[in-house]
C-alpha cells in the first residue's frame, strides 16, 4: 500500500468470499479500493486484515462498516434463545399473527415458519393500556421476580417485551425493561424498536431485535477491540438498512436496523453517483457472493 499522510475515511463490507475495503481522503480526490479474503468462521477478520493492509503509513479518521451478520442469523435461525413478555392474554399474538390463512380456523398452518419464540418461552404480566394511552390495569411489577426466575432457569439469553398499545403509553414497558436489565443484559422493548400500532407486527419486530442482540453485540465488541489494535480511528459507524449510518452503541441496541446493512451501502452509493451524473433512472444490483 502506498505511503500517505492523508487522513482517510474507510468503508468495509464483508462478503462470503472477499471483504471489500474502500478509502478516500477528505477532498475525495484520492480513492483506494481493494479486496482481502473473508473468513466465514470469523467475519471480522477480513475487516481487520483489510485495515492492517491499508493503514501502513495512512491515517484513518473513521471506519464505516457494512455487515451481513444479522442477515445471516435471521436466514439461518442462528440467533439467541429468546423469551417474550406480553400483556396478560396476548402471548399468542406472535403465533396467531394476522389470520391470513387459507382456512381461517385451521391453526395448523403448515406453510408458515415456526415462531422464533416457542410458546414455552412466551410469558404474560398483568397490565393493560387503551389505544388512547389510558391505563386500564396498572402494571404489577411484583410479578417480575417470578418471571425472571423462570426465564433464567430456561437459559434464556435475550428478552423481548411487547405490551398492548405501548406506542401510546410506553411507561409500562420501560419499567419492566429497567427491572429485567438488573439481572439480564439483553432486553428490547417494542416502544423503542417500533412504536407503531398493530400488535403482531410490533411483537414480531421486537422479537427479531432481541433475537439478534447477543450475536451482534458480541460481533461488534470483538470488532471494535480488534480495530483498536490496528488503527487509531476515532469513530466507527455501522451501515443501517435504510442506507444511513448508526453508532456501534446504537447497532448493539437496535441490531434489527442492520439486517440489510450489507446491500444498503451499494444502493446508497448508486443513488449518490446517479445524482452526481444527472441520471434520473438507475438500476443497482448486487452480485451473490
Protein backbone atom coordinates (compact mmCIF):
# COMPACT_ATOMS: atom_id res chain seq x y z
CA UNK A 1 0.00 0.00 0.00
CA UNK A 2 1.38 3.41 -0.97
CA UNK A 3 2.57 5.51 1.95
CA UNK A 4 0.47 8.63 2.56
CA UNK A 5 -0.03 11.21 5.26
CA UNK A 6 -3.65 11.98 4.32
CA UNK A 7 -6.47 11.23 6.74
CA UNK A 8 -8.92 8.75 5.24
CA UNK A 9 -12.48 7.60 5.76
CA UNK A 10 -12.57 3.83 5.24
CA UNK A 11 -15.59 1.77 4.24
CA UNK A 12 -15.62 -2.01 4.70
CA UNK A 13 -18.10 -4.65 3.58
CA UNK A 14 -17.79 -8.34 4.40
CA UNK A 15 -18.84 -10.74 1.65
CA UNK A 16 -18.84 -14.50 1.56
CA UNK A 17 -15.60 -14.71 -0.44
CA UNK A 18 -13.97 -11.31 -0.16
CA UNK A 19 -14.07 -8.29 2.14
CA UNK A 20 -14.15 -5.02 0.21
CA UNK A 21 -12.20 -2.03 1.51
CA UNK A 22 -12.63 1.45 0.04
CA UNK A 23 -10.92 4.57 1.38
CA UNK A 24 -10.99 8.21 0.37
CA UNK A 25 -9.39 11.38 1.63
CA UNK A 26 -11.39 14.45 2.80
CA UNK A 27 -11.20 16.11 -0.64
CA UNK A 28 -12.38 12.96 -2.37
CA UNK A 29 -9.62 13.22 -4.97
CA UNK A 30 -7.79 10.10 -3.85
CA UNK A 31 -9.70 6.81 -3.64
CA UNK A 32 -8.19 3.43 -2.81
CA UNK A 33 -10.13 0.17 -3.27
CA UNK A 34 -9.03 -3.42 -2.79
CA UNK A 35 -10.20 -6.83 -1.57
CA UNK A 36 -8.95 -9.28 1.02
CA UNK A 37 -10.20 -12.84 1.63
CA UNK A 38 -13.14 -13.27 4.01
CA UNK A 39 -13.48 -15.90 6.72
CA UNK A 40 -16.91 -17.46 7.22
CA UNK A 41 -15.90 -18.56 10.72
CA UNK A 42 -14.66 -15.10 11.73
CA UNK A 43 -16.37 -12.36 9.65
CA UNK A 44 -14.48 -9.57 11.41
CA UNK A 45 -11.12 -10.99 10.34
CA UNK A 46 -11.48 -9.70 6.79
CA UNK A 47 -12.06 -6.19 8.12
CA UNK A 48 -9.00 -6.42 10.35
CA UNK A 49 -6.82 -7.78 7.55
CA UNK A 50 -8.03 -5.07 5.17
CA UNK A 51 -7.34 -2.26 7.61
CA UNK A 52 -3.98 -3.72 8.57
CA UNK A 53 -3.05 -3.72 4.88
CA UNK A 54 -4.32 -0.19 4.33
CA UNK A 55 -3.06 1.58 7.43
CA UNK A 56 0.63 1.11 6.67
CA UNK A 57 1.57 4.78 6.66
CA UNK A 58 -2.03 6.03 6.43
CA UNK A 59 -4.16 7.90 8.94
CA UNK A 60 -7.78 6.86 9.40
CA UNK A 61 -10.36 9.30 10.74
CA UNK A 62 -13.35 6.94 10.71
CA UNK A 63 -14.43 3.45 9.70
CA UNK A 64 -17.85 2.67 8.20
CA UNK A 65 -18.82 -0.99 8.25
CA UNK A 66 -21.45 -2.93 6.34
CA UNK A 67 -22.22 -6.38 7.69
CA UNK A 68 -24.46 -9.37 6.99
CA UNK A 69 -24.07 -10.87 10.48
CA UNK A 70 -27.69 -10.04 11.37
CA UNK A 71 -28.94 -11.05 7.91
CA UNK A 72 -27.38 -14.50 8.07
CA UNK A 73 -28.51 -15.06 11.66
CA UNK A 74 -32.14 -14.47 10.67
CA UNK A 75 -31.98 -16.54 7.48
CA UNK A 76 -30.23 -19.44 9.20
CA UNK A 77 -32.13 -19.05 12.51
CA UNK A 78 -28.88 -18.77 14.47
CA UNK A 79 -29.97 -16.05 16.88
CA UNK A 80 -30.17 -16.17 20.66
CA UNK A 81 -32.59 -18.19 22.74
CA UNK A 82 -35.20 -15.50 23.32
CA UNK A 83 -38.16 -15.06 25.67
CA UNK A 84 -41.18 -12.81 25.13
CA UNK A 85 -43.19 -10.97 27.80
CA UNK A 86 -46.61 -9.62 26.80
CA UNK A 87 -49.76 -8.13 28.29
CA UNK A 88 -51.75 -10.87 30.01
CA UNK A 89 -53.83 -12.69 27.43
CA UNK A 90 -51.66 -11.75 24.44
CA UNK A 91 -48.72 -14.16 24.46
CA UNK A 92 -50.01 -15.99 21.38
CA UNK A 93 -50.19 -12.91 19.14
CA UNK A 94 -46.83 -13.99 17.69
CA UNK A 95 -48.38 -17.26 16.53
CA UNK A 96 -51.91 -16.12 15.66
CA UNK A 97 -50.44 -13.33 13.50
CA UNK A 98 -52.89 -11.71 11.07
CA UNK A 99 -55.07 -14.78 10.49
CA UNK A 100 -54.11 -14.64 6.83
CA UNK A 101 -54.65 -18.37 6.36
CA UNK A 102 -56.23 -20.33 3.55
CA UNK A 103 -58.53 -21.89 6.15
CA UNK A 104 -59.20 -19.25 8.78
CA UNK A 105 -59.99 -21.66 11.64
CA UNK A 106 -57.23 -24.16 10.90
CA UNK A 107 -54.44 -23.26 13.31
CA UNK A 108 -52.17 -25.89 11.74
CA UNK A 109 -50.78 -23.50 9.17
CA UNK A 110 -48.10 -25.72 7.67
CA UNK A 111 -46.91 -23.06 5.24
CA UNK A 112 -45.65 -20.65 7.88
CA UNK A 113 -42.32 -20.79 9.68
CA UNK A 114 -42.25 -21.60 13.37
CA UNK A 115 -42.17 -18.51 15.62
CA UNK A 116 -38.70 -17.52 16.79
CA UNK A 117 -40.01 -17.72 20.36
CA UNK A 118 -41.77 -21.04 21.16
CA UNK A 119 -44.85 -20.99 23.39
CA UNK A 120 -43.00 -22.25 26.47
CA UNK A 121 -40.81 -19.12 26.33
CA UNK A 122 -43.71 -16.68 26.00
CA UNK A 123 -44.85 -15.14 29.28
CA UNK A 124 -47.52 -12.72 30.46
CA UNK A 125 -47.71 -9.94 33.03
CA UNK A 126 -50.67 -8.04 34.45
CA UNK A 127 -51.12 -4.62 32.83
CA UNK A 128 -53.46 -3.08 30.28
CA UNK A 129 -53.47 0.17 28.33
CA UNK A 130 -56.13 1.51 25.98
CA UNK A 131 -55.31 2.74 22.47
CA UNK A 132 -55.64 6.28 23.84
CA UNK A 133 -52.84 5.67 26.33
CA UNK A 134 -55.22 5.44 29.29
CA UNK A 135 -54.10 2.89 31.89
CA UNK A 136 -56.89 0.33 32.34
CA UNK A 137 -54.90 -2.01 34.60
CA UNK A 138 -51.80 -0.82 36.48
CA UNK A 139 -48.56 -2.70 35.88
CA UNK A 140 -47.85 -5.25 38.61
CA UNK A 141 -44.08 -5.13 38.91
CA UNK A 142 -44.21 -7.56 41.81
CA UNK A 143 -44.73 -10.32 39.21
CA UNK A 144 -41.28 -9.68 37.72
CA UNK A 145 -39.14 -11.72 40.18
CA UNK A 146 -41.06 -14.93 39.44
CA UNK A 147 -40.81 -14.29 35.70
CA UNK A 148 -37.07 -13.69 35.96
CA UNK A 149 -36.60 -16.93 37.91
CA UNK A 150 -38.40 -18.95 35.23
CA UNK A 151 -36.58 -17.20 32.38
CA UNK A 152 -33.16 -17.76 33.93
CA UNK A 153 -33.98 -21.40 34.66
CA UNK A 154 -34.67 -21.90 30.94
CA UNK A 155 -31.23 -20.49 29.97
CA UNK A 156 -32.75 -17.63 28.01
CA UNK A 157 -30.16 -15.20 26.68
CA UNK A 158 -32.36 -12.32 25.49
CA UNK A 159 -35.84 -10.96 26.30
CA UNK A 160 -38.38 -9.07 24.18
CA UNK A 161 -41.18 -7.06 25.79
CA UNK A 162 -44.33 -6.08 23.88
CA UNK A 163 -47.40 -4.69 25.65
CA UNK A 164 -50.76 -3.83 24.14
CA UNK A 165 -50.84 -0.21 22.86
CA UNK A 166 -47.43 0.58 24.33
CA UNK A 167 -46.85 3.05 21.49
CA UNK A 168 -49.41 5.27 23.28
CA UNK A 169 -48.08 4.65 26.80
CA UNK A 170 -44.52 3.23 26.88
CA UNK A 171 -44.02 3.67 30.64
CA UNK A 172 -45.02 0.07 31.48
CA UNK A 173 -42.55 -1.43 29.02
CA UNK A 174 -39.80 0.86 30.24
CA UNK A 175 -40.41 -0.07 33.86
CA UNK A 176 -40.23 -3.79 33.03
CA UNK A 177 -37.08 -3.25 30.96
CA UNK A 178 -35.39 -1.44 33.84
CA UNK A 179 -36.21 -4.29 36.23
CA UNK A 180 -35.10 -7.01 33.81
CA UNK A 181 -31.81 -5.27 32.99
CA UNK A 182 -30.75 -5.56 36.61
CA UNK A 183 -30.22 -9.29 36.00
CA UNK A 184 -30.47 -9.85 32.23
CA UNK A 185 -28.14 -7.97 29.85
CA UNK A 186 -30.16 -8.20 26.63
CA UNK A 187 -33.66 -6.68 26.73
CA UNK A 188 -35.64 -4.98 23.92
CA UNK A 189 -38.97 -3.19 24.28
CA UNK A 190 -41.34 -2.65 21.38
CA UNK A 191 -41.93 1.05 22.08
CA UNK A 192 -38.22 1.66 21.48
CA UNK A 193 -37.88 -0.52 18.39
CA UNK A 194 -41.18 0.08 16.55
CA UNK A 195 -43.56 2.47 18.33
CA UNK A 196 -46.50 1.89 15.99
CA UNK A 197 -49.92 0.28 16.23
CA UNK A 198 -50.65 -3.30 15.07
CA UNK A 199 -49.67 -5.77 17.74
CA UNK A 200 -48.44 -8.65 15.59
CA UNK A 201 -46.05 -6.55 13.54
CA UNK A 202 -44.68 -4.78 16.61
CA UNK A 203 -44.32 -8.06 18.51
CA UNK A 204 -42.53 -9.71 15.62
CA UNK A 205 -40.19 -6.74 15.23
CA UNK A 206 -39.12 -6.58 18.86
CA UNK A 207 -38.66 -10.37 18.97
CA UNK A 208 -36.33 -10.18 15.97
CA UNK A 209 -34.38 -7.38 17.61
CA UNK A 210 -33.89 -9.36 20.83
CA UNK A 211 -33.09 -12.50 18.83
CA UNK A 212 -30.16 -10.65 17.22
CA UNK A 213 -28.93 -8.63 20.19
CA UNK A 214 -26.39 -11.01 21.78
CA UNK A 215 -24.86 -12.16 18.48
CA UNK A 216 -24.48 -8.66 17.01
CA UNK A 217 -23.24 -7.20 20.31
CA UNK A 218 -20.51 -9.83 20.63
CA UNK A 219 -19.51 -9.36 17.00
CA UNK A 220 -19.23 -5.58 17.30
CA UNK A 221 -17.43 -5.70 20.64
CA UNK A 222 -14.86 -8.05 19.14
CA UNK A 223 -14.52 -5.92 16.02
CA UNK A 224 -14.02 -2.68 17.96
CA UNK A 225 -11.43 -4.32 20.22
CA UNK A 226 -9.53 -5.72 17.25
CA UNK A 227 -9.69 -2.43 15.34
CA UNK A 228 -8.15 -0.56 18.26
CA UNK A 229 -5.01 -2.66 17.76
CA UNK A 230 -4.84 -1.89 14.04
CA UNK A 231 -5.83 1.76 13.71
CA UNK A 232 -6.36 4.80 15.89
CA UNK A 233 -9.56 5.75 14.03
CA UNK A 234 -11.65 7.88 16.34
CA UNK A 235 -15.05 6.85 15.02
CA UNK A 236 -16.75 3.74 13.78
CA UNK A 237 -20.20 3.62 12.23
CA UNK A 238 -22.40 0.73 11.10
CA UNK A 239 -24.49 0.87 7.93
CA UNK A 240 -28.24 0.86 8.55
CA UNK A 241 -30.73 -0.97 6.35
CA UNK A 242 -32.07 2.40 5.11
CA UNK A 243 -28.68 3.45 3.74
CA UNK A 244 -27.80 5.68 6.68
CA UNK A 245 -25.33 5.07 9.48
CA UNK A 246 -25.54 4.42 13.20
CA UNK A 247 -23.08 4.27 16.07
CA UNK A 248 -21.79 0.97 17.41
CA UNK A 249 -23.79 1.54 20.60
CA UNK A 250 -26.92 2.15 18.53
CA UNK A 251 -26.35 -1.01 16.48
CA UNK A 252 -25.97 -3.07 19.66
CA UNK A 253 -29.31 -1.76 20.98
CA UNK A 254 -31.13 -1.97 17.62
CA UNK A 255 -29.41 -4.76 15.67
CA UNK A 256 -32.51 -5.32 13.54
CA UNK A 257 -31.73 -1.98 11.86
CA UNK A 258 -28.61 -3.65 10.41
CA UNK A 259 -30.35 -6.65 8.86
CA UNK A 260 -29.88 -5.17 5.36
CA UNK A 261 -26.65 -3.38 6.28
CA UNK A 262 -24.60 -5.19 3.65
CA UNK A 263 -26.65 -4.41 0.50
CA UNK A 264 -27.72 -0.91 1.61
CA UNK A 265 -24.26 0.60 1.14
CA UNK A 266 -24.24 -0.24 -2.56
CA UNK A 267 -27.72 1.22 -3.05
CA UNK A 268 -26.74 4.44 -1.26
CA UNK A 269 -23.61 4.71 -3.43
CA UNK A 270 -25.66 4.15 -6.59
CA UNK A 271 -28.04 6.97 -5.58
CA UNK A 272 -25.12 9.29 -4.91
CA UNK A 273 -23.43 8.56 -8.24
CA UNK A 274 -26.70 8.84 -10.17
CA UNK A 275 -27.31 12.30 -8.73
CA UNK A 276 -23.74 13.37 -9.47
CA UNK A 277 -24.02 12.16 -13.07
CA UNK A 278 -27.51 13.57 -13.60
CA UNK A 279 -29.05 10.14 -14.16
CA UNK A 280 -32.78 10.16 -13.34
CA UNK A 281 -33.39 6.43 -13.61
CA UNK A 282 -30.83 3.87 -12.45
CA UNK A 283 -30.85 0.18 -11.58
CA UNK A 284 -28.47 -1.12 -8.92
CA UNK A 285 -27.63 -4.79 -8.49
CA UNK A 286 -25.50 -6.70 -6.03
CA UNK A 287 -23.77 -9.95 -7.03
CA UNK A 288 -24.40 -13.04 -4.94
CA UNK A 289 -21.25 -13.91 -3.01
